[in-house]
Protein backbone atom coordinates (compact mmCIF):
# COMPACT_ATOMS: atom_id res chain seq x y z
CA UNK A 1 -27.02 -16.66 2.77
CA UNK A 2 -24.94 -18.34 0.09
CA UNK A 3 -23.90 -21.96 0.41
CA UNK A 4 -20.19 -22.59 0.85
CA UNK A 5 -18.58 -24.01 -2.29
CA UNK A 6 -16.08 -26.80 -1.73
CA UNK A 7 -13.44 -27.16 -4.43
CA UNK A 8 -11.18 -29.64 -2.74
CA UNK A 9 -10.93 -31.69 0.45
CA UNK A 10 -7.35 -32.95 0.20
CA UNK A 11 -3.89 -31.53 0.83
CA UNK A 12 -2.58 -31.11 -2.70
CA UNK A 13 -1.35 -28.63 -5.33
CA UNK A 14 -2.90 -25.46 -3.93
CA UNK A 15 -1.48 -25.99 -0.43
CA UNK A 16 1.92 -26.97 -1.85
CA UNK A 17 1.91 -23.88 -4.06
CA UNK A 18 1.28 -21.62 -1.05
CA UNK A 19 3.86 -23.37 1.14
CA UNK A 20 6.50 -23.32 -1.61
CA UNK A 21 5.75 -19.70 -2.50
CA UNK A 22 5.90 -18.56 1.12
CA UNK A 23 9.09 -20.51 1.89
CA UNK A 24 10.82 -19.36 -1.30
CA UNK A 25 9.82 -15.74 -0.69
CA UNK A 26 11.01 -15.82 2.93
CA UNK A 27 14.26 -17.49 1.87
CA UNK A 28 14.93 -14.79 -0.74
CA UNK A 29 14.31 -11.89 1.63
CA UNK A 30 16.47 -13.60 4.25
CA UNK A 31 19.31 -13.95 1.73
CA UNK A 32 19.29 -10.45 0.22
CA UNK A 33 21.47 -7.89 2.02
CA UNK A 34 19.49 -5.64 4.37
CA UNK A 35 18.70 -2.33 2.73
CA UNK A 36 16.16 -0.76 5.07
CA UNK A 37 15.83 -0.27 8.82
CA UNK A 38 13.92 -3.13 10.45
CA UNK A 39 10.77 -1.11 11.08
CA UNK A 40 10.63 0.01 7.47
CA UNK A 41 11.27 -3.57 6.30
CA UNK A 42 8.37 -4.74 8.45
CA UNK A 43 6.10 -2.09 6.95
CA UNK A 44 7.11 -3.13 3.42
CA UNK A 45 6.43 -6.78 4.28
CA UNK A 46 3.07 -5.97 5.87
CA UNK A 47 1.99 -3.92 2.84
CA UNK A 48 1.66 -7.14 0.87
CA UNK A 49 -0.17 -8.97 3.64
CA UNK A 50 -2.53 -6.03 4.22
CA UNK A 51 -3.28 -5.25 0.58
CA UNK A 52 -3.60 -8.97 -0.19
CA UNK A 53 -6.01 -9.48 2.70
CA UNK A 54 -8.08 -6.47 1.64
CA UNK A 55 -8.26 -7.67 -1.95
CA UNK A 56 -8.95 -11.30 -1.11
CA UNK A 57 -11.69 -10.46 1.34
CA UNK A 58 -13.25 -7.43 -0.28
CA UNK A 59 -13.07 -8.41 -3.94
CA UNK A 60 -12.98 -12.14 -3.31
CA UNK A 61 -15.74 -12.49 -0.77
CA UNK A 62 -17.38 -9.65 1.11
CA UNK A 63 -18.48 -7.17 -1.56
CA UNK A 64 -18.31 -8.96 -4.87
CA UNK A 65 -17.37 -12.63 -4.45
CA UNK A 66 -15.44 -12.60 -7.73
CA UNK A 67 -13.14 -15.41 -6.67
CA UNK A 68 -12.56 -17.95 -3.94
CA UNK A 69 -9.25 -18.84 -2.32
CA UNK A 70 -7.96 -22.38 -1.79
CA UNK A 71 -10.32 -25.25 -0.94
CA UNK A 72 -13.61 -23.51 -0.15
CA UNK A 73 -15.46 -20.26 -0.70
CA UNK A 74 -15.22 -19.59 3.06
CA UNK A 75 -12.17 -18.17 4.82
CA UNK A 76 -10.42 -20.91 6.77
CA UNK A 77 -7.08 -21.66 8.44
CA UNK A 78 -5.46 -22.70 5.14
CA UNK A 79 -5.99 -19.16 3.81
CA UNK A 80 -3.65 -17.59 6.40
CA UNK A 81 -0.41 -18.84 4.77
CA UNK A 82 -1.79 -17.64 1.43
CA UNK A 83 -2.13 -14.14 2.89
CA UNK A 84 1.38 -14.30 4.36
CA UNK A 85 2.70 -15.24 0.92
CA UNK A 86 2.05 -11.64 -0.19
CA UNK A 87 4.56 -10.32 2.39
CA UNK A 88 7.80 -11.40 0.71
CA UNK A 89 6.34 -10.33 -2.62
CA UNK A 90 5.75 -6.76 -1.45
CA UNK A 91 9.10 -6.60 0.34
CA UNK A 92 10.86 -7.59 -2.90
CA UNK A 93 8.82 -5.00 -4.80
CA UNK A 94 10.12 -2.25 -2.50
CA UNK A 95 13.61 -3.75 -2.28
CA UNK A 96 14.07 -3.81 -6.05
CA UNK A 97 12.47 -0.38 -6.48
CA UNK A 98 14.93 1.25 -4.07
CA UNK A 99 17.92 1.39 -6.49
CA UNK A 100 15.85 3.17 -9.17
CA UNK A 101 13.86 5.46 -6.86
CA UNK A 102 15.61 8.60 -8.12
CA UNK A 103 14.82 7.74 -11.74
CA UNK A 104 11.13 8.60 -11.50
CA UNK A 105 10.71 8.20 -15.27
CA UNK A 106 11.29 4.47 -14.76
CA UNK A 107 8.52 4.12 -12.16
CA UNK A 108 5.71 3.50 -14.71
CA UNK A 109 7.80 0.85 -16.46
CA UNK A 110 8.67 -0.73 -13.10
CA UNK A 111 5.00 -0.80 -12.08
CA UNK A 112 3.96 -2.22 -15.45
CA UNK A 113 6.65 -4.92 -15.24
CA UNK A 114 5.59 -5.94 -11.74
CA UNK A 115 1.92 -5.96 -12.75
CA UNK A 116 2.77 -8.37 -15.57
CA UNK A 117 4.85 -10.56 -13.25
CA UNK A 118 1.97 -10.49 -10.75
CA UNK A 119 -0.47 -11.69 -13.40
CA UNK A 120 1.86 -14.57 -14.30
CA UNK A 121 2.13 -15.59 -10.65
CA UNK A 122 -1.63 -15.33 -10.23
CA UNK A 123 -2.17 -17.42 -13.36
CA UNK A 124 0.09 -20.16 -11.96
CA UNK A 125 -1.85 -19.92 -8.68
CA UNK A 126 -5.10 -20.39 -10.59
CA UNK A 127 -3.63 -23.47 -12.30
CA UNK A 128 -2.62 -24.83 -8.88
CA UNK A 129 -6.12 -24.28 -7.49
CA UNK A 130 -5.25 -21.40 -5.14
CA UNK A 131 -7.82 -19.11 -6.80
CA UNK A 132 -11.17 -20.04 -8.31
CA UNK A 133 -12.71 -17.25 -10.41
CA UNK A 134 -16.47 -16.68 -10.39
CA UNK A 135 -18.95 -14.25 -11.95
CA UNK A 136 -16.82 -13.35 -14.97
CA UNK A 137 -13.66 -12.40 -13.09
CA UNK A 138 -10.48 -12.78 -15.15
CA UNK A 139 -6.78 -11.91 -15.06
CA UNK A 140 -7.34 -8.60 -16.86
CA UNK A 141 -9.19 -7.29 -13.82
CA UNK A 142 -6.33 -8.40 -11.59
CA UNK A 143 -3.88 -6.63 -13.90
CA UNK A 144 -5.72 -3.34 -13.37
CA UNK A 145 -5.78 -3.91 -9.62
CA UNK A 146 -2.03 -4.64 -9.63
CA UNK A 147 -1.37 -1.41 -11.53
CA UNK A 148 -3.35 0.54 -8.93
CA UNK A 149 -1.89 -1.17 -5.86
CA UNK A 150 1.69 -1.01 -7.08
CA UNK A 151 1.29 2.66 -7.97
CA UNK A 152 0.14 3.24 -4.40
CA UNK A 153 3.14 1.26 -3.18
CA UNK A 154 5.57 3.49 -5.13
CA UNK A 155 3.94 6.58 -3.61
CA UNK A 156 4.04 4.96 -0.17
CA UNK A 157 7.70 4.02 -0.66
CA UNK A 158 8.68 7.64 -1.29
CA UNK A 159 6.55 8.86 1.60
CA UNK A 160 8.01 6.37 4.10
CA UNK A 161 11.63 6.57 2.95
CA UNK A 162 11.56 10.37 3.04
CA UNK A 163 9.94 10.35 6.47
CA UNK A 164 12.54 7.90 7.76
CA UNK A 165 15.39 9.87 6.18
CA UNK A 166 14.12 13.15 7.65
CA UNK A 167 13.91 11.70 11.14
CA UNK A 168 10.14 11.45 11.50
CA UNK A 169 10.41 8.59 13.97
CA UNK A 170 6.76 8.98 14.98
CA UNK A 171 5.87 7.08 11.81
CA UNK A 172 8.00 4.12 12.88
CA UNK A 173 7.38 3.81 16.62
C-alpha cells in the first residue's frame, strides 16, 4: 500500500480555485437562456461530473496514479466540489455546440478548440494546486484525453438530441 502524499493542510488557492470555478460555472449556466429540456440539461451537466470522476479516479488514482487532486493523494471531501466543477463545463460544451450541430465539418475544429481551452484551464488549476502531476504525466496527455472525451460528447449530443426529438422518452425517464 502506498503512503498518502500530503501537499497542503490549509484552505488556500486550490480550494478557492474550485469554489470560484464552480460558482462561476453555475452562474453562467443559470444566466444563459434555456435551450434544452430539463432532463437533457441534467444529462449534459452530469456528463462532465461523470467523465471527470472517471478520469480523476481511474487515471489519477486507481489504475495509474498519474496525478493527485487537491491537498492529498487520497480522495477526500474537498474533492467533491472539484468533481462538480466539471458539470457546468460540460453543459457549456453542449450548449455552445448546439447552434453549429448541423455544420458537421466544424465539429473537429470545435473539439480542438475546446481541448485547447481545457488544457489552459487545467494548467491554471495546476498552478493553483488543484492537480499535482506524478510519474511523468503532463498536459499533452490531458490534451489527448480531452480530444477523445469531447469527441465522445459530440457523438453523445447527436444521439441524445435525436432521441429526444424523435420522442424516445424512455431515454429520459
